[in-house]
Amino acid sequence: MRQDDSRPEGDADGPGKRASAVVVGGGLAGITSALALADAGLDVTLLEGRPRLGGLAFSFQRGDLTVDNGQHVYLRCCTAYRWFLDRVEGAHLAPLQERLDVPVLDADRHRLGRLRRTALPVPLHLAASLATYPHLSLAERANVGRAALALKGLDPADPALDSQDFGSWLAAHGQSKRAVEALWDLVGVATLNAVAGDASLGLAAMVFKTGLLSDPGAADIGWARVPLGDIHDGLARKALDSAGVRTELRTRVTSISRSKNGSWRVEVPGEAIEADTVVLAVAQAETHDLLPDGALDEPDRLLGIDTAPILNVHVVYDRKVLKKPFFAALGTPVQWVFDRTEASGLAAGQYLALSQSAAQDEIDAPVAALRERYLPELERLLPAAHGARVLDFFVTRERTATFAPTPGVGRLRPGARTNEAGLYLAGAWTATGWPATMESAVRSGITAARAALTALDRPHDHLFEEAA
């Protein structure tokens, strides 16, 4: 989209006045934008309606337990999120695996397989793992290799791929139902929040090309060993304070408009804040409601970006039932299970968190029904759970956890610039090229800040470059 150049940007109010910015939204996108703009010398105000920072990747207290709303992981290829961790001095709290190693348990066949890499170059780094992967037949493994090579040849940015679904492409390339379940959806559902048949081929190609077919270590997994709130709220707030950002929580923006002098006017209860630059870093529906008329050519497209839920099941046992830090599962409703005992502060027993993506069928199920469904499944997967006493069972529901990566969503995702000078968009749902991940959120924040600093003729070489 074009940017209206009718109003000059920069230190328009004179050489003695610093340029100012308001960032609306305190998730990862908003935090990133605020830090990047403040680091470039702008006076920045960050406004967040919730009582905390972190957006949809946060923690809360349940008695003595510190609970993450859901299990969030990142990969070595998530270089923007790694930049964020470094910027808030939290990288040591969310380390990466030395090498990709994912235990995969089959509940029906009672077999353990592993997806792990070697140091060999792509695609040989996964060859040994696939050759011995017990959840696929020899023929299925060979077909997976051929499909991976075909996938490597796709251009995720090709608009034609956005209109196709990944499931149909896999079927056309010889992938059996079992191969989709045991490999493609095992990875894809967790990263895309959709099964292959419901996912854009363009986004799926991006995930698999970047994560598995770009660099031997690209898919190495990292996750927080402390509550997410310690990083996304605590350390982020400390970094914002150090950068001079004014952070206002429990402060919801009611309108954004031009003031008579040409600056932006951001209204909150009891105050109107004027700024040269505004970054809207909130969800697509809220962005639609706050956008001034004419800011986007087709603003209703934002409402066409659907959302997808994630259900998280939390179980506290009176004893240790899982020795591994995490595993993925087949032949069961259970998808991924993580040991959150140490991070939660649990003094005795073990706390497991089940991350259930693409959970449309269960997101509103009663807790009692989910308990009846998942506790027997955990006993099928973990023999040590037989006889263990369940001390607590609860669920967290994120009904709008991500944007839905459906075919055609790519053409709906806007870029950072709007038709209005000084007004920018950020959020994992914007046109980052990535699915709705922490990486996408950080990239969007960097992209919005870079666009703003470019318009203000400010240097931005301190920013992560790959997000350009």
Protein backbone atom coordinates (compact mmCIF):
# COMPACT_ATOMS: atom_id res chain seq x y z
CA MET A 1 0.00 0.00 0.00
CA ARG A 2 1.09 3.57 -0.68
CA GLN A 3 2.12 5.91 2.10
CA ASP A 4 0.65 9.43 2.07
CA ASP A 5 3.55 11.89 1.93
CA SER A 6 1.38 14.99 2.29
CA ARG A 7 2.65 15.59 5.82
CA PRO A 8 6.40 15.79 6.36
CA GLU A 9 7.68 13.55 9.12
CA GLY A 10 10.56 13.89 11.49
CA ASP A 11 11.28 16.55 14.08
CA ALA A 12 8.53 18.71 12.55
CA ASP A 13 8.07 20.78 15.69
CA GLY A 14 11.58 22.11 15.63
CA PRO A 15 15.16 20.95 16.26
CA GLY A 16 14.78 21.14 20.03
CA LYS A 17 11.87 18.72 20.25
CA ARG A 18 12.35 14.98 20.07
CA ALA A 19 10.08 12.97 17.81
CA SER A 20 7.45 11.07 19.74
CA ALA A 21 5.62 7.79 19.28
CA VAL A 22 2.71 5.94 20.83
CA VAL A 23 2.60 2.16 20.62
CA VAL A 24 -0.81 0.64 21.21
CA GLY A 25 -0.54 -2.92 22.55
CA GLY A 26 1.91 -4.53 24.96
CA GLY A 27 2.34 -7.94 23.37
CA LEU A 28 5.62 -9.01 21.79
CA ALA A 29 4.96 -6.89 18.69
CA GLY A 30 4.26 -3.76 20.71
CA ILE A 31 7.14 -4.28 23.14
CA THR A 32 9.52 -4.76 20.22
CA SER A 33 8.31 -1.64 18.42
CA ALA A 34 8.55 0.44 21.58
CA LEU A 35 12.09 -0.71 22.33
CA ALA A 36 13.24 -0.18 18.75
CA LEU A 37 11.79 3.35 18.56
CA ALA A 38 13.13 4.32 21.99
CA ASP A 39 16.57 2.95 21.12
CA ALA A 40 16.53 5.30 18.11
CA GLY A 41 15.95 8.31 20.35
CA LEU A 42 12.17 8.78 20.20
CA ASP A 43 10.00 9.63 23.19
CA VAL A 44 7.80 6.52 23.38
CA THR A 45 4.60 5.77 25.25
CA LEU A 46 3.37 2.17 25.34
CA LEU A 47 -0.32 1.63 26.11
CA GLU A 48 -1.66 -1.77 27.15
CA GLY A 49 -5.21 -2.57 28.25
CA ARG A 50 -4.26 -5.60 30.32
CA PRO A 51 -2.62 -5.39 33.75
CA ARG A 52 0.55 -6.96 32.33
CA LEU A 53 2.74 -7.15 29.26
CA GLY A 54 3.25 -10.19 27.05
CA GLY A 55 0.02 -10.42 25.07
CA LEU A 56 -1.01 -14.06 24.59
CA ALA A 57 2.26 -15.46 25.95
CA PHE A 58 1.95 -14.83 29.68
CA SER A 59 1.88 -16.36 33.17
CA PHE A 60 -0.51 -16.25 36.11
CA GLN A 61 -0.71 -17.57 39.66
CA ARG A 62 -2.82 -20.55 40.71
CA GLY A 63 -2.18 -20.87 44.41
CA ASP A 64 1.53 -21.53 44.80
CA LEU A 65 1.82 -22.57 41.14
CA THR A 66 3.06 -20.17 38.46
CA VAL A 67 1.29 -21.19 35.26
CA ASP A 68 1.97 -20.26 31.65
CA ASN A 69 -1.28 -19.82 29.73
CA GLY A 70 0.15 -22.23 27.16
CA GLN A 71 3.38 -23.91 26.17
CA HIS A 72 5.28 -21.60 23.85
CA VAL A 73 8.41 -22.77 22.05
CA TYR A 74 10.66 -21.30 19.40
CA LEU A 75 13.25 -22.68 16.98
CA ARG A 76 16.83 -21.76 16.23
CA CYS A 77 15.60 -20.30 12.93
CA CYS A 78 13.46 -17.83 14.93
CA THR A 79 16.23 -15.25 14.76
CA ALA A 80 14.03 -12.21 15.48
CA TYR A 81 12.65 -13.72 18.68
CA ARG A 82 16.22 -14.62 19.67
CA TRP A 83 17.12 -10.95 19.07
CA PHE A 84 14.25 -10.02 21.38
CA LEU A 85 15.49 -12.39 24.08
CA ASP A 86 18.94 -10.82 23.84
CA ARG A 87 17.48 -7.31 23.93
CA VAL A 88 15.61 -7.98 27.20
CA GLU A 89 18.55 -10.01 28.57
CA GLY A 90 16.53 -13.21 28.79
CA ALA A 91 18.27 -15.59 26.36
CA HIS A 92 19.80 -17.64 29.18
CA LEU A 93 16.31 -18.30 30.55
CA ALA A 94 15.05 -19.86 27.32
CA PRO A 95 17.93 -21.97 25.97
CA LEU A 96 17.88 -24.03 22.78
CA GLN A 97 18.50 -27.73 22.47
CA GLU A 98 22.03 -28.53 21.44
CA ARG A 99 20.49 -30.51 18.58
CA LEU A 100 16.90 -31.23 17.53
CA ASP A 101 15.60 -34.28 19.39
CA VAL A 102 11.86 -34.94 19.62
CA PRO A 103 10.63 -38.16 21.29
CA VAL A 104 7.46 -39.37 19.56
CA LEU A 105 5.29 -41.90 21.42
CA ASP A 106 2.68 -43.98 19.62
CA ALA A 107 -0.10 -44.81 22.07
CA ASP A 108 -1.60 -47.56 19.88
CA ARG A 109 1.59 -49.36 18.94
CA HIS A 110 3.45 -48.65 22.19
CA ARG A 111 6.54 -47.58 20.28
CA LEU A 112 8.94 -44.72 20.80
CA GLY A 113 10.48 -42.99 17.82
CA ARG A 114 12.71 -39.94 17.63
CA LEU A 115 13.01 -37.08 15.20
CA ARG A 116 16.55 -35.83 15.61
CA ARG A 117 19.25 -34.35 13.48
CA THR A 118 22.92 -34.84 12.92
CA ALA A 119 25.54 -32.25 11.96
CA LEU A 120 25.41 -33.31 8.30
CA PRO A 121 24.27 -30.74 5.72
CA VAL A 122 20.63 -30.42 4.64
CA PRO A 123 18.84 -32.70 3.82
CA LEU A 124 21.17 -35.41 5.11
CA HIS A 125 20.88 -34.03 8.66
CA LEU A 126 17.53 -35.83 9.06
CA ALA A 127 18.24 -38.86 6.86
CA ALA A 128 19.35 -41.20 9.64
CA SER A 129 16.37 -40.24 11.80
CA LEU A 130 13.83 -40.81 9.03
CA ALA A 131 15.48 -44.05 7.98
CA THR A 132 14.83 -45.54 11.42
CA TYR A 133 11.58 -43.71 12.26
CA PRO A 134 9.36 -46.59 13.43
CA HIS A 135 6.05 -44.81 12.92
CA LEU A 136 6.30 -45.00 9.12
CA SER A 137 6.82 -47.93 6.74
CA LEU A 138 9.86 -48.09 4.50
CA ALA A 139 7.77 -46.98 1.53
CA GLU A 140 6.27 -44.09 3.50
CA ARG A 141 9.73 -42.91 4.54
CA ALA A 142 10.87 -42.93 0.92
CA ASN A 143 7.80 -40.95 -0.11
CA VAL A 144 8.44 -38.43 2.65
CA GLY A 145 11.91 -37.83 1.25
CA ARG A 146 10.54 -37.21 -2.23
CA ALA A 147 7.88 -34.84 -0.92
CA ALA A 148 10.47 -32.94 1.09
CA LEU A 149 12.57 -32.40 -2.02
CA ALA A 150 9.49 -31.16 -3.90
CA LEU A 151 8.63 -28.85 -1.01
CA LYS A 152 12.15 -27.45 -1.03
CA GLY A 153 11.56 -26.29 -4.61
CA LEU A 154 8.48 -24.20 -3.73
CA ASP A 155 8.55 -20.44 -3.22
CA PRO A 156 6.45 -19.64 -0.13
CA ALA A 157 6.01 -16.08 -1.39
CA ASP A 158 4.29 -17.27 -4.57
CA PRO A 159 0.68 -16.00 -4.30
CA ALA A 160 -0.54 -19.14 -6.08
CA LEU A 161 0.56 -21.25 -3.10
CA ASP A 162 -1.52 -19.15 -0.72
CA SER A 163 -4.74 -20.26 -2.41
CA GLN A 164 -3.95 -23.99 -2.13
CA ASP A 165 -4.21 -26.20 0.94
CA PHE A 166 -1.28 -28.20 2.23
CA GLY A 167 -3.24 -31.42 2.67
CA SER A 168 -4.16 -31.66 -1.01
CA TRP A 169 -0.57 -30.97 -1.99
CA LEU A 170 0.67 -33.75 0.33
CA ALA A 171 -1.86 -36.22 -1.09
CA ALA A 172 -0.79 -35.32 -4.63
CA HIS A 173 2.80 -36.04 -3.62
CA GLY A 174 2.13 -39.55 -2.34
CA GLN A 175 1.75 -38.89 1.38
CA SER A 176 -0.40 -41.46 3.16
CA LYS A 177 -2.81 -40.60 5.95
CA ARG A 178 -0.35 -42.16 8.38
CA ALA A 179 2.56 -40.07 7.05
CA VAL A 180 0.52 -36.90 7.44
CA GLU A 181 -0.35 -37.81 11.03
CA ALA A 182 3.05 -39.12 12.07
CA LEU A 183 5.20 -36.42 10.48
CA TRP A 184 3.64 -33.53 8.56
CA ASP A 185 0.86 -32.74 11.06
CA LEU A 186 3.07 -33.60 14.00
CA VAL A 187 5.14 -30.54 13.09
CA GLY A 188 2.55 -28.52 11.19
CA VAL A 189 -0.28 -28.48 13.72
CA ALA A 190 2.06 -27.19 16.44
CA THR A 191 3.51 -24.42 14.25
CA LEU A 192 0.53 -23.49 12.07
CA ASN A 193 -2.31 -24.22 14.51
CA ALA A 194 -4.14 -26.11 11.75
CA VAL A 195 -4.15 -29.57 10.23
CA ALA A 196 -2.68 -29.87 6.76
CA GLY A 197 -6.04 -29.82 5.00
CA ASP A 198 -6.93 -26.49 6.60
CA ALA A 199 -3.56 -24.77 6.10
CA SER A 200 -2.28 -22.54 3.32
CA LEU A 201 0.34 -24.29 1.22
CA GLY A 202 2.34 -21.06 1.21
CA LEU A 203 2.56 -20.90 5.00
CA ALA A 204 3.24 -24.64 5.29
CA ALA A 205 6.02 -24.40 2.72
CA MET A 206 7.53 -21.53 4.68
CA VAL A 207 7.46 -23.52 7.94
CA PHE A 208 9.03 -26.68 6.54
CA LYS A 209 11.53 -24.97 4.23
CA THR A 210 12.75 -22.64 6.97
CA GLY A 211 12.59 -25.04 9.89
CA LEU A 212 13.69 -28.33 8.35
CA LEU A 213 15.23 -27.63 4.96
CA SER A 214 17.30 -24.47 5.35
CA ASP A 215 20.05 -25.20 7.86
CA PRO A 216 20.90 -28.32 9.89
CA GLY A 217 20.21 -26.57 13.19
CA ALA A 218 17.19 -24.52 12.13
CA ALA A 219 14.63 -26.70 13.95
CA ASP A 220 16.47 -27.04 17.26
CA ILE A 221 13.83 -26.27 19.90
CA GLY A 222 14.01 -23.66 22.63
CA TRP A 223 11.58 -22.92 25.45
CA ALA A 224 11.47 -20.91 28.66
CA ARG A 225 12.78 -22.67 31.75
CA VAL A 226 11.10 -19.98 33.85
CA PRO A 227 7.53 -18.65 33.70
CA LEU A 228 6.93 -16.73 30.48
CA GLY A 229 5.87 -13.73 32.52
CA ASP A 230 9.40 -13.46 33.92
CA ILE A 231 10.61 -12.72 30.39
CA HIS A 232 7.70 -11.17 28.47
CA ASP A 233 6.49 -9.05 31.39
CA GLY A 234 9.23 -8.73 34.00
CA LEU A 235 12.35 -8.44 31.86
CA ALA A 236 10.48 -6.66 29.09
CA ARG A 237 9.22 -4.01 31.52
CA LYS A 238 12.74 -3.56 32.88
CA ALA A 239 14.10 -3.09 29.34
CA LEU A 240 11.35 -0.61 28.49
CA ASP A 241 12.02 1.36 31.67
CA SER A 242 15.76 1.44 30.93
CA ALA A 243 15.06 2.67 27.41
CA GLY A 244 12.95 5.50 28.76
CA VAL A 245 9.60 4.20 27.55
CA ARG A 246 6.54 5.38 29.44
CA THR A 247 4.50 2.20 29.95
CA GLU A 248 0.85 2.46 30.93
CA LEU A 249 -1.02 -0.73 31.83
CA ARG A 250 -4.79 -1.07 32.24
CA THR A 251 -5.06 1.70 29.68
CA ARG A 252 -7.31 1.03 26.71
CA VAL A 253 -7.21 3.28 23.66
CA THR A 254 -10.62 4.53 22.58
CA SER A 255 -9.75 6.40 19.37
CA ILE A 256 -6.94 7.53 17.09
CA SER A 257 -7.26 10.65 14.94
CA ARG A 258 -5.38 13.58 13.46
CA SER A 259 -5.08 16.67 15.61
CA LYS A 260 -5.35 20.16 14.13
CA ASN A 261 -1.58 20.55 13.99
CA GLY A 262 -1.21 17.38 11.93
CA SER A 263 0.14 15.11 14.66
CA TRP A 264 -1.63 11.99 15.87
CA ARG A 265 -4.04 12.17 18.80
CA VAL A 266 -4.47 8.97 20.82
CA GLU A 267 -7.39 9.03 23.22
CA VAL A 268 -7.43 7.04 26.46
CA PRO A 269 -9.77 7.53 29.43
CA GLY A 270 -8.86 10.87 30.99
CA GLU A 271 -6.07 11.78 28.60
CA ALA A 272 -5.24 12.58 24.98
CA ILE A 273 -1.69 11.86 23.90
CA GLU A 274 -0.22 13.54 20.84
CA ALA A 275 2.59 11.91 18.85
CA ASP A 276 4.35 12.05 15.50
CA THR A 277 4.14 8.27 15.07
CA VAL A 278 1.61 5.64 16.12
CA VAL A 279 2.11 1.88 15.94
CA LEU A 280 -1.06 -0.19 16.27
CA ALA A 281 0.08 -3.53 17.70
CA VAL A 282 -3.21 -5.14 18.67
CA ALA A 283 -5.36 -7.92 17.23
CA GLN A 284 -6.90 -7.54 13.80
CA ALA A 285 -10.47 -6.82 14.99
CA GLU A 286 -9.30 -4.15 17.44
CA THR A 287 -7.06 -2.67 14.77
CA HIS A 288 -10.04 -2.47 12.43
CA ASP A 289 -12.04 -0.59 15.07
CA LEU A 290 -9.26 1.92 15.79
CA LEU A 291 -8.11 2.65 12.24
CA PRO A 292 -8.99 6.14 10.99
CA ASP A 293 -11.02 6.29 7.77
CA GLY A 294 -8.84 5.83 4.72
CA ALA A 295 -5.90 4.30 6.55
CA LEU A 296 -6.33 1.06 4.59
CA ASP A 297 -7.87 0.70 1.15
CA GLU A 298 -10.00 -2.26 2.23
CA PRO A 299 -10.11 -2.26 6.03
CA ASP A 300 -12.81 -4.94 6.19
CA ARG A 301 -10.22 -7.42 4.95
CA LEU A 302 -8.89 -7.44 8.50
CA LEU A 303 -12.17 -8.95 9.66
CA GLY A 304 -11.70 -11.75 7.13
CA ILE A 305 -8.60 -12.96 8.97
CA ASP A 306 -10.17 -15.66 11.12
CA THR A 307 -8.80 -16.87 14.42
CA ALA A 308 -7.94 -20.36 15.67
CA PRO A 309 -7.99 -21.69 19.25
CA ILE A 310 -5.44 -23.51 21.39
CA LEU A 311 -6.45 -25.56 24.43
CA ASN A 312 -3.98 -26.23 27.21
CA VAL A 313 -4.54 -29.03 29.72
CA HIS A 314 -2.63 -28.81 33.01
CA VAL A 315 -2.14 -31.85 35.25
CA VAL A 316 -0.32 -31.98 38.59
CA TYR A 317 0.64 -35.48 39.83
CA ASP A 318 1.83 -36.47 43.26
CA ARG A 319 4.92 -38.10 41.77
CA LYS A 320 7.18 -38.00 38.74
CA VAL A 321 5.56 -39.77 35.79
CA LEU A 322 7.65 -38.38 32.89
CA LYS A 323 11.44 -38.47 32.69
CA LYS A 324 11.82 -36.49 29.46
CA PRO A 325 11.40 -32.69 29.28
CA PHE A 326 8.74 -33.14 26.57
CA PHE A 327 7.37 -35.50 23.96
CA ALA A 328 4.91 -35.59 21.06
CA ALA A 329 2.24 -38.26 20.74
CA LEU A 330 0.47 -40.26 18.02
CA GLY A 331 -2.65 -42.44 18.12
CA THR A 332 -4.19 -40.31 20.85
CA PRO A 333 -5.87 -36.93 21.28
CA VAL A 334 -2.74 -35.82 23.16
CA GLN A 335 -0.44 -33.75 20.95
CA TRP A 336 2.56 -32.37 22.91
CA VAL A 337 3.36 -32.77 26.61
CA PHE A 338 5.87 -30.65 28.53
CA ASP A 339 7.25 -30.98 32.04
CA ARG A 340 6.69 -27.58 33.68
CA THR A 341 7.50 -28.68 37.25
CA GLU A 342 10.61 -26.59 37.86
CA ALA A 343 9.38 -23.50 36.01
CA SER A 344 6.12 -23.48 37.94
CA GLY A 345 7.77 -23.61 41.34
CA LEU A 346 6.11 -26.90 42.27
CA ALA A 347 7.91 -28.29 45.31
CA ALA A 348 6.82 -31.94 45.07
CA GLY A 349 5.28 -34.16 42.41
CA GLN A 350 5.23 -33.29 38.72
CA TYR A 351 3.33 -30.74 36.64
CA LEU A 352 2.64 -31.60 32.99
CA ALA A 353 1.23 -29.19 30.43
CA LEU A 354 -0.52 -30.54 27.33
CA SER A 355 -0.59 -28.21 24.34
CA GLN A 356 -3.54 -28.93 22.06
CA SER A 357 -3.49 -26.87 18.87
CA ALA A 358 -6.29 -26.63 16.28
CA ALA A 359 -8.67 -27.32 19.17
CA GLN A 360 -11.92 -26.14 17.58
CA ASP A 361 -13.78 -29.27 18.70
CA GLU A 362 -12.71 -29.03 22.36
CA ILE A 363 -12.13 -25.39 23.15
CA ASP A 364 -15.49 -25.06 24.93
CA ALA A 365 -15.68 -28.56 26.41
CA PRO A 366 -16.36 -28.72 30.17
CA VAL A 367 -13.37 -29.37 32.41
CA ALA A 368 -14.96 -32.60 33.64
CA ALA A 369 -15.23 -33.92 30.08
CA LEU A 370 -11.62 -32.97 29.32
CA ARG A 371 -10.46 -34.67 32.50
CA GLU A 372 -12.31 -37.85 31.55
CA ARG A 373 -10.75 -37.70 28.09
CA TYR A 374 -7.13 -36.83 28.82
CA LEU A 375 -6.20 -38.56 32.09
CA PRO A 376 -6.73 -42.07 30.64
CA GLU A 377 -4.73 -41.03 27.57
CA LEU A 378 -1.82 -39.94 29.72
CA GLU A 379 -1.94 -43.31 31.47
CA ARG A 380 -1.80 -45.02 28.06
CA LEU A 381 1.26 -42.98 27.13
CA LEU A 382 2.99 -42.95 30.52
CA PRO A 383 2.90 -46.23 32.48
CA ALA A 384 4.18 -44.41 35.56
CA ALA A 385 0.94 -42.41 35.64
CA HIS A 386 -0.96 -45.58 36.63
CA GLY A 387 -1.66 -45.27 40.33
CA ALA A 388 -0.36 -41.69 40.53
CA ARG A 389 -2.70 -39.32 42.31
CA VAL A 390 -3.88 -36.25 40.41
CA LEU A 391 -3.48 -33.28 42.73
CA ASP A 392 -4.83 -30.71 40.30
CA PHE A 393 -6.40 -30.67 36.86
CA PHE A 394 -7.34 -27.46 35.06
CA VAL A 395 -7.42 -25.98 31.57
CA THR A 396 -6.58 -22.67 29.94
CA ARG A 397 -8.36 -21.69 26.76
CA GLU A 398 -7.14 -19.24 24.16
CA ARG A 399 -10.10 -19.03 21.79
CA THR A 400 -8.34 -16.53 19.53
CA ALA A 401 -4.80 -17.78 20.09
CA THR A 402 -3.63 -17.24 16.51
CA PHE A 403 -4.89 -16.16 13.17
CA ALA A 404 -6.20 -19.11 11.16
CA PRO A 405 -3.64 -20.00 8.45
CA THR A 406 -6.34 -20.92 5.93
CA PRO A 407 -5.81 -20.86 2.17
CA GLY A 408 -6.16 -17.28 0.96
CA VAL A 409 -5.19 -15.63 4.25
CA GLY A 410 -2.00 -14.24 2.74
CA ARG A 411 -3.82 -11.73 0.57
CA LEU A 412 -5.69 -10.44 3.64
CA ARG A 413 -2.63 -9.74 5.81
CA PRO A 414 -1.59 -6.06 5.58
CA GLY A 415 1.93 -4.73 5.65
CA ALA A 416 3.31 -2.36 8.27
CA ARG A 417 2.62 0.85 6.35
CA THR A 418 -0.81 2.37 6.01
CA ASN A 419 -2.12 5.11 3.73
CA GLU A 420 -1.62 7.59 6.58
CA ALA A 421 1.85 9.02 7.21
CA GLY A 422 3.07 8.12 10.66
CA LEU A 423 0.60 5.29 11.27
CA TYR A 424 1.88 1.71 11.22
CA LEU A 425 0.59 -1.79 11.95
CA ALA A 426 2.24 -4.62 13.86
CA GLY A 427 1.14 -8.03 15.07
CA ALA A 428 1.76 -11.67 14.24
CA TRP A 429 -1.23 -11.50 11.87
CA THR A 430 0.35 -8.86 9.62
CA ALA A 431 2.29 -9.73 6.46
CA THR A 432 5.45 -11.16 8.00
CA GLY A 433 5.48 -14.31 5.85
CA TRP A 434 5.39 -16.39 9.06
CA PRO A 435 2.48 -18.12 10.77
CA ALA A 436 1.19 -16.72 14.07
CA THR A 437 4.20 -17.34 16.27
CA MET A 438 6.30 -15.34 18.70
CA GLU A 439 8.75 -14.95 15.84
CA SER A 440 6.10 -13.40 13.61
CA ALA A 441 5.08 -10.99 16.36
CA VAL A 442 8.63 -9.76 16.95
CA ARG A 443 9.32 -9.47 13.22
CA SER A 444 6.20 -7.37 12.78
CA GLY A 445 7.28 -5.03 15.57
CA ILE A 446 10.71 -4.59 14.04
CA THR A 447 9.25 -4.02 10.58
CA ALA A 448 6.85 -1.37 11.86
CA ALA A 449 9.63 0.40 13.77
CA ARG A 450 11.92 0.28 10.75
CA ALA A 451 9.22 1.80 8.54
CA ALA A 452 8.62 4.57 11.08
CA LEU A 453 12.31 5.33 11.50
CA THR A 454 12.83 5.40 7.74
CA ALA A 455 10.02 7.94 7.37
CA LEU A 456 11.53 10.00 10.19
CA ASP A 457 14.95 9.77 8.53
CA ARG A 458 16.35 8.11 11.64
CA PRO A 459 19.02 5.39 11.59
CA HIS A 460 17.82 1.88 12.31
CA ASP A 461 21.00 -0.18 11.98
CA HIS A 462 20.50 -1.28 15.59
CA LEU A 463 17.56 -3.39 14.48
CA PHE A 464 17.53 -7.02 13.50
CA GLU A 465 18.15 -6.93 9.74
CA GLU A 466 16.50 -10.16 8.54
CA ALA A 467 13.11 -8.77 9.49
CA ALA A 468 13.34 -6.15 6.73
